[in-house]
Protein backbone atom coordinates (compact mmCIF):
# COMPACT_ATOMS: atom_id res chain seq x y z
CA MET A 1 -0.06 -0.30 -0.05
CA ILE A 2 2.90 2.04 0.95
CA GLN A 3 4.74 1.73 -2.21
CA ARG A 4 1.66 2.25 -4.56
CA SER A 5 1.24 5.48 -2.67
CA ARG A 6 4.65 6.40 -3.42
CA VAL A 7 4.43 5.31 -7.30
CA ILE A 8 1.44 8.01 -7.41
CA GLN A 9 3.22 10.16 -5.78
CA VAL A 10 6.14 10.07 -8.01
CA PHE A 11 4.08 10.00 -11.20
CA ILE A 12 2.33 13.48 -9.97
CA THR A 13 5.46 15.06 -9.38
CA VAL A 14 6.93 14.20 -12.73
CA LYS A 15 6.73 16.90 -15.08
CA ILE A 16 5.54 16.15 -18.43
CA PRO A 17 6.82 18.24 -21.13
CA SER A 18 4.69 20.13 -23.02
CA SER A 19 5.69 18.51 -26.52
CA ILE A 20 3.84 15.41 -24.80
CA TRP A 21 0.75 17.18 -23.93
CA THR A 22 0.55 19.25 -27.21
CA LEU A 23 0.93 15.62 -28.85
CA LEU A 24 -1.75 14.08 -26.53
CA ILE A 25 -4.16 17.26 -27.29
CA GLY A 26 -3.99 16.56 -30.68
CA ILE A 27 -4.44 12.84 -31.17
CA VAL A 28 -7.67 13.96 -28.93
CA LEU A 29 -8.95 16.65 -30.96
CA THR A 30 -8.12 14.94 -34.30
CA LEU A 31 -10.20 12.12 -32.93
CA VAL A 32 -13.07 13.79 -31.50
CA SER A 33 -13.05 15.54 -34.67
CA LEU A 34 -13.00 12.55 -36.71
CA TRP A 35 -15.95 10.78 -35.11
CA TYR A 36 -17.88 13.95 -34.97
CA GLY A 37 -17.30 14.66 -38.53
CA GLN A 38 -18.82 10.98 -39.38
CA ASN A 39 -21.44 11.11 -36.57
CA HIS A 40 -23.15 14.41 -36.72
CA GLY A 41 -26.38 13.46 -38.21
CA LEU A 42 -27.29 16.94 -39.49
CA LEU A 43 -28.20 15.09 -43.30
CA PRO A 44 -31.82 13.36 -44.33
CA ILE A 45 -31.22 10.20 -45.54
CA ALA A 46 -29.41 9.86 -48.80
CA ALA A 47 -31.85 8.82 -51.55
CA SER A 48 -29.62 9.20 -54.60
CA GLU A 49 -26.54 7.85 -55.80
CA GLU A 50 -24.99 11.24 -56.26
CA ALA A 51 -25.76 11.87 -52.65
CA THR A 52 -22.73 10.13 -51.00
CA LYS A 53 -20.67 12.57 -53.07
CA VAL A 54 -22.13 15.76 -51.51
CA ASP A 55 -22.10 13.86 -47.93
CA GLY A 56 -18.35 12.96 -48.29
CA LEU A 57 -17.90 16.53 -48.71
CA PHE A 58 -20.11 17.68 -46.14
CA ASN A 59 -18.35 15.29 -43.64
CA THR A 60 -14.91 16.67 -44.33
CA MET A 61 -15.70 19.95 -43.64
CA MET A 62 -17.53 19.25 -40.89
CA THR A 63 -14.88 17.46 -39.59
CA VAL A 64 -12.34 20.35 -40.20
CA SER A 65 -14.41 23.22 -38.59
CA THR A 66 -14.67 20.74 -35.41
CA GLY A 67 -11.44 20.44 -35.10
CA ILE A 68 -10.57 24.13 -35.88
CA PHE A 69 -13.60 25.42 -33.39
CA LEU A 70 -12.35 23.03 -30.61
CA LEU A 71 -8.53 24.02 -30.95
CA VAL A 72 -9.81 27.50 -31.03
CA GLU A 73 -11.93 27.77 -28.24
CA GLY A 74 -9.61 25.38 -25.72
CA ILE A 75 -6.62 27.91 -26.45
CA LEU A 76 -9.07 31.17 -25.45
CA ILE A 77 -10.57 28.97 -22.36
CA TYR A 78 -6.79 28.00 -21.66
CA CYS A 79 -5.36 31.53 -22.05
CA ALA A 80 -8.38 32.96 -20.00
CA TRP A 81 -8.08 30.78 -16.81
CA LYS A 82 -4.03 30.91 -17.12
CA TYR A 83 -3.49 34.12 -17.41
CA ARG A 84 -6.25 35.34 -15.55
CA ARG A 85 -5.77 38.41 -12.91
CA LYS A 86 -4.70 37.02 -10.20
CA ALA A 87 -5.84 38.57 -6.48
CA GLY A 88 -4.22 41.63 -5.37
CA ASP A 89 -1.87 41.98 -8.64
CA ASN A 90 -2.72 44.89 -10.70
CA THR A 91 0.36 45.29 -12.97
CA ASP A 92 0.00 45.14 -16.59
CA GLY A 93 1.42 41.62 -18.23
CA PRO A 94 4.34 41.92 -20.30
CA PRO A 95 4.18 43.07 -23.66
CA VAL A 96 3.85 40.61 -27.00
CA GLU A 97 5.89 41.44 -29.94
CA GLY A 98 4.79 39.68 -33.15
CA ASN A 99 5.93 36.07 -34.10
CA ILE A 100 6.79 35.40 -37.53
CA PRO A 101 7.14 31.90 -37.53
CA LEU A 102 4.10 31.92 -35.45
CA GLU A 103 2.23 34.04 -38.20
CA ILE A 104 3.55 32.37 -41.09
CA LEU A 105 2.26 28.88 -39.60
CA TRP A 106 -1.45 30.14 -38.45
CA THR A 107 -1.71 31.93 -42.02
CA GLY A 108 -0.66 28.74 -44.05
CA ILE A 109 -2.53 26.29 -42.72
CA PRO A 110 -5.94 27.76 -43.26
CA ALA A 111 -4.61 28.80 -46.52
CA ILE A 112 -3.71 25.07 -47.45
CA ILE A 113 -7.11 23.76 -45.69
CA VAL A 114 -9.33 26.41 -47.61
CA LEU A 115 -7.47 25.37 -51.46
CA GLY A 116 -7.55 21.41 -50.69
CA ILE A 117 -11.77 22.08 -49.59
CA SER A 118 -11.80 24.21 -52.66
CA VAL A 119 -10.04 21.80 -54.98
CA TYR A 120 -12.73 19.27 -53.38
CA SER A 121 -15.58 20.95 -53.88
CA PHE A 122 -15.22 21.85 -57.19
CA ASP A 123 -14.36 18.09 -58.15
CA VAL A 124 -17.53 16.86 -56.24
CA TYR A 125 -19.39 19.41 -58.05
CA ASN A 126 -18.09 18.61 -61.67
CA SER A 127 -18.66 15.22 -61.48
CA LEU A 128 -22.37 15.66 -59.87
CA SER A 129 -25.58 14.15 -61.94
CA GLY A 130 -24.14 15.39 -65.30
CA VAL A 131 -24.96 19.33 -64.74
CA ASP A 132 -24.52 20.94 -67.86
CA THR A 133 -23.54 24.64 -66.97
CA HIS A 134 -22.55 25.45 -70.75
CA SER A 135 -25.75 25.13 -72.27
CA ALA A 136 -27.73 26.62 -69.57
CA HIS A 137 -25.94 29.88 -69.30
CA GLN A 138 -25.32 29.88 -73.44
CA ALA A 139 -28.78 29.69 -74.17
CA PRO A 140 -30.64 32.78 -75.24
CA ILE A 141 -33.66 33.95 -73.51
CA THR A 142 -36.71 33.27 -75.71
CA GLN A 143 -39.57 35.76 -76.93
CA GLU A 144 -41.44 33.54 -75.46
CA SER A 145 -40.53 33.11 -71.90
CA GLN A 146 -41.18 37.09 -71.29
CA SER A 147 -45.12 36.27 -72.49
CA ILE A 148 -45.88 33.45 -70.33
CA PRO A 149 -48.77 33.68 -68.45
CA GLY A 150 -47.68 31.04 -65.87
CA SER A 151 -50.69 31.38 -63.29
CA ALA A 152 -53.40 30.46 -65.88
CA ILE A 153 -51.35 27.61 -67.25
CA ALA A 154 -51.40 26.33 -63.49
CA ALA A 155 -54.98 27.21 -63.82
CA THR A 156 -55.67 24.53 -66.31
CA LEU A 157 -54.20 21.59 -64.77
CA SER A 158 -56.39 19.50 -62.31
CA ASP A 159 -55.06 17.65 -59.16
CA SER A 160 -51.34 16.94 -58.77
CA SER A 161 -51.51 13.81 -59.52
CA GLN A 162 -53.96 14.32 -62.60
CA GLY A 163 -52.37 17.42 -64.81
CA GLU A 164 -52.54 15.58 -68.03
CA VAL A 165 -53.49 19.23 -70.25
CA ALA A 166 -50.40 19.90 -72.04
CA HIS A 167 -47.10 18.62 -73.62
CA MET A 168 -44.07 21.03 -72.90
CA ASP A 169 -41.85 20.64 -75.83
CA LEU A 170 -38.73 21.63 -74.18
CA SER A 171 -35.25 21.31 -76.94
CA VAL A 172 -32.91 20.66 -74.26
CA PRO A 173 -29.02 19.03 -75.13
CA ALA A 174 -28.38 15.92 -73.69
CA ALA A 175 -26.60 15.94 -70.07
CA LYS A 176 -23.13 14.59 -69.88
CA GLY A 177 -22.20 10.86 -69.39
CA PRO A 178 -24.06 8.03 -70.64
CA PRO A 179 -27.46 7.92 -71.89
CA ALA A 180 -30.62 8.18 -69.41
CA ASP A 181 -33.17 5.60 -68.77
CA VAL A 182 -36.34 8.06 -68.09
CA VAL A 183 -36.15 11.83 -69.39
CA VAL A 184 -38.29 14.22 -67.74
CA ASN A 185 -38.93 18.10 -68.87
CA VAL A 186 -39.84 19.97 -65.99
CA MET A 187 -41.64 23.12 -66.15
CA GLY A 188 -41.68 25.66 -62.86
CA LEU A 189 -44.17 28.20 -62.95
CA GLN A 190 -46.08 30.35 -60.30
CA TYR A 191 -46.83 28.29 -58.38
CA ALA A 192 -46.45 24.79 -59.89
CA TRP A 193 -44.31 22.25 -61.46
CA ILE A 194 -45.37 20.70 -64.74
CA PHE A 195 -43.14 17.33 -65.71
CA THR A 196 -43.34 15.77 -68.94
CA TYR A 197 -42.69 12.34 -69.95
CA PRO A 198 -41.78 12.45 -73.90
CA GLU A 199 -41.82 8.71 -74.44
CA THR A 200 -45.14 8.66 -73.29
CA GLY A 201 -46.56 11.95 -73.73
CA PHE A 202 -48.58 13.07 -70.86
CA ASN A 203 -48.43 15.80 -67.97
CA THR A 204 -48.13 15.37 -64.27
CA GLY A 205 -48.20 17.54 -61.13
CA GLU A 206 -46.37 14.81 -59.24
CA LEU A 207 -42.87 13.41 -60.17
CA HIS A 208 -42.44 9.44 -60.39
CA LEU A 209 -39.11 8.21 -60.64
CA PRO A 210 -38.05 4.31 -60.67
CA ILE A 211 -35.19 3.48 -58.48
CA GLY A 212 -31.92 2.35 -60.08
CA LYS A 213 -32.53 4.01 -63.59
CA LYS A 214 -30.18 6.97 -64.32
CA VAL A 215 -32.74 9.93 -64.79
CA GLN A 216 -32.27 13.09 -67.24
CA ILE A 217 -33.93 16.19 -66.18
CA ASN A 218 -34.77 18.89 -68.90
CA MET A 219 -36.01 22.18 -66.93
CA THR A 220 -37.13 25.71 -67.56
CA ALA A 221 -39.39 28.23 -65.82
CA SER A 222 -42.31 30.03 -67.78
CA ASP A 223 -42.54 33.26 -65.60
CA VAL A 224 -39.54 34.03 -62.81
CA ILE A 225 -36.64 32.01 -61.57
CA HIS A 226 -37.85 29.11 -59.60
CA ALA A 227 -35.61 26.52 -57.87
CA PHE A 228 -35.57 22.54 -58.08
CA TRP A 229 -34.60 21.45 -54.79
CA VAL A 230 -34.80 17.65 -53.25
CA PRO A 231 -32.93 17.64 -49.99
CA GLU A 232 -32.61 13.89 -50.18
CA PHE A 233 -31.12 13.93 -53.50
CA ARG A 234 -28.68 16.29 -52.80
CA LEU A 235 -30.02 18.12 -55.78
CA LYS A 236 -31.03 21.73 -55.85
CA GLN A 237 -30.68 23.77 -59.46
CA ASP A 238 -32.37 27.10 -60.83
CA ALA A 239 -34.93 27.08 -63.26
CA ILE A 240 -34.53 29.97 -65.65
CA PRO A 241 -37.17 31.70 -67.62
CA GLY A 242 -36.09 30.61 -71.40
CA ARG A 243 -33.13 28.59 -70.43
CA GLU A 244 -33.03 24.96 -70.08
CA SER A 245 -30.90 23.70 -67.36
CA VAL A 246 -29.94 19.76 -67.89
CA PHE A 247 -28.56 17.76 -65.11
CA SER A 248 -29.44 14.01 -64.08
CA PHE A 249 -29.39 11.62 -61.06
CA THR A 250 -29.95 8.02 -60.13
CA PRO A 251 -32.41 7.64 -57.04
CA LYS A 252 -31.78 4.53 -54.94
CA GLU A 253 -34.09 4.83 -51.97
CA PRO A 254 -37.74 3.95 -52.67
CA GLY A 255 -40.04 6.54 -51.11
CA ASN A 256 -41.78 9.44 -50.97
CA TYR A 257 -39.68 13.24 -50.86
CA ALA A 258 -40.31 16.67 -51.10
CA LEU A 259 -39.83 18.79 -54.11
CA ILE A 260 -39.60 22.44 -52.72
CA CYS A 261 -39.22 25.44 -54.61
CA ALA A 262 -35.81 26.85 -53.30
CA GLU A 263 -36.10 30.40 -54.91
CA LEU A 264 -38.03 33.31 -53.86
CA CYS A 265 -40.91 33.42 -56.75
CA GLY A 266 -43.89 35.37 -55.25
CA PRO A 267 -46.14 35.87 -52.70
CA TYR A 268 -47.44 31.85 -52.51
CA HIS A 269 -43.55 30.87 -52.92
CA GLY A 270 -44.11 29.03 -50.02
CA ALA A 271 -46.79 26.29 -51.30
CA MET A 272 -44.97 25.82 -54.58
CA ARG A 273 -43.91 21.83 -53.53
CA THR A 274 -45.14 18.66 -54.79
CA GLN A 275 -43.78 15.45 -54.24
CA VAL A 276 -41.35 12.82 -55.65
CA VAL A 277 -42.15 9.11 -55.53
CA VAL A 278 -39.61 6.82 -56.34
CA GLU A 279 -40.93 2.90 -56.92
CA THR A 280 -39.82 -0.10 -58.15
CA PRO A 281 -39.49 -0.33 -62.17
CA GLU A 282 -42.69 -2.23 -62.01
CA ALA A 283 -44.70 0.18 -60.08
CA PHE A 284 -43.53 2.76 -62.31
CA GLU A 285 -44.24 1.04 -65.49
CA LYS A 286 -47.88 0.33 -64.35
CA TRP A 287 -48.14 4.38 -62.73
CA GLN A 288 -47.29 5.27 -66.45
CA GLN A 289 -49.86 2.92 -68.25
CA GLU A 290 -52.49 4.44 -65.65
CA GLN A 291 -50.95 8.08 -66.31
CA LEU A 292 -51.82 7.01 -70.26
CA LEU A 293 -55.01 5.68 -69.73
CA ALA A 294 -56.43 8.70 -67.34
CA SER A 295 -55.26 10.85 -70.07
CA LYS A 296 -57.12 9.56 -73.12
CA GLU A 297 -60.26 9.53 -71.15
CA GLU A 298 -60.58 12.73 -70.16
CA LEU A 299 -59.95 14.08 -73.32
CA ASN A 300 -62.64 11.74 -74.65
CA GLN A 301 -65.02 12.85 -72.13
CA ALA A 302 -63.87 16.53 -73.06
CA LEU A 303 -64.53 15.97 -76.80
CA ALA A 304 -67.72 13.93 -76.05
CA MET A 305 -68.93 17.14 -74.05
CA ASN A 306 -67.72 19.56 -76.44
CA PRO A 307 -68.63 18.06 -79.82
CA LYS A 308 -68.66 21.16 -81.81
CA HIS A 309 -65.03 22.27 -81.16
CA GLY A 310 -63.77 18.96 -82.98
CA SER A 311 -60.25 18.01 -82.50
CA PRO A 312 -58.15 18.48 -79.43
CA THR A 313 -56.03 21.65 -81.21
CA GLN A 314 -59.34 23.15 -81.75
CA LEU A 315 -60.57 22.42 -77.85
CA LEU A 316 -57.92 23.76 -76.44
CA THR A 317 -57.64 26.40 -78.74
CA HIS A 318 -61.17 27.24 -77.49
CA HIS A 319 -60.37 26.99 -73.68
CA ALA A 320 -57.33 28.88 -74.29
CA GLN A 321 -59.32 31.83 -75.39
CA GLU A 322 -61.99 31.68 -72.71
CA MET A 323 -59.24 31.91 -69.78
CA GLY A 324 -57.09 34.54 -71.53
CA ILE A 325 -54.02 32.33 -72.52
CA ASP A 326 -51.84 33.97 -74.99
CA GLN A 327 -51.72 32.19 -78.19
CA GLU A 328 -47.87 31.92 -77.92
CA VAL A 329 -48.09 29.47 -75.28
CA LEU A 330 -50.72 27.59 -77.07
CA HIS A 331 -48.07 27.02 -79.46
CA GLN A 332 -46.00 25.16 -77.29
CA ILE A 333 -48.42 22.62 -76.23
CA HIS A 334 -49.34 19.83 -78.07
CA GLN A 335 -50.86 16.20 -77.40
């Protein structure tokens, strides 16, 4: 018992070098930062293959930020305690002059960190989802985009899942990389999203996608700038009037996800949202067939109720005139 107490006393009296303390503190900060950077729980479920790339970048930034935060706050707390004013000591502390090696160190390390994160961020953005920034920024603004009454088109749509009224023909270049399995034309307007499936030719207000299939989005806007944002996909892209944005992604988790407009577009901006339904290829094919059947039935019913208008084009022209929709808008609409 006496021998053990002597060992403890010797251990306490031994002065650990500051370099050892610095090493131990550095190891602890590194381990804590690495753990928290991978276990922060701040992100929603990663529902697309591209989301893992964004999460990797976010986790790296969170790891570095946690380490810097703990280091800076730890030094501040230590200095506030170590160099606090002692009782009865009213003298000033010794003057501290500049330390060039230290200044080079605390300038060089942040510069290297920022440069590394910048290169990593650019690599992730450049590889993400085949975003075609060149075509999006070089496409001219069309005359039609300046006169499309978006709210009038929105009024022609029925419920969000039954919006088969028009086929928006978006002439958009193909996205980078291998061809997509599913192509969807997206029109943003106040205050709704219209999704057109070119292969089948129907429109809907709810986006359905097959799991595990590459999806290409050809997107534009009819009135003001909107933003296509699905947090679980880690995708956020502006929809600009008269300009086409092309990007692609691959859903990997089935479920219903919120598609939100992330650009202030008017007084009802908060209500401009719909659902993205990711389902099995079989369920997706069944849904497409149901939409085709429903669109044909609705068109036949409309023609039966309005025989004097003849063809579907004449029927649309008649209703467009009644609702005050510009003729230029009608030119963009076909079966």
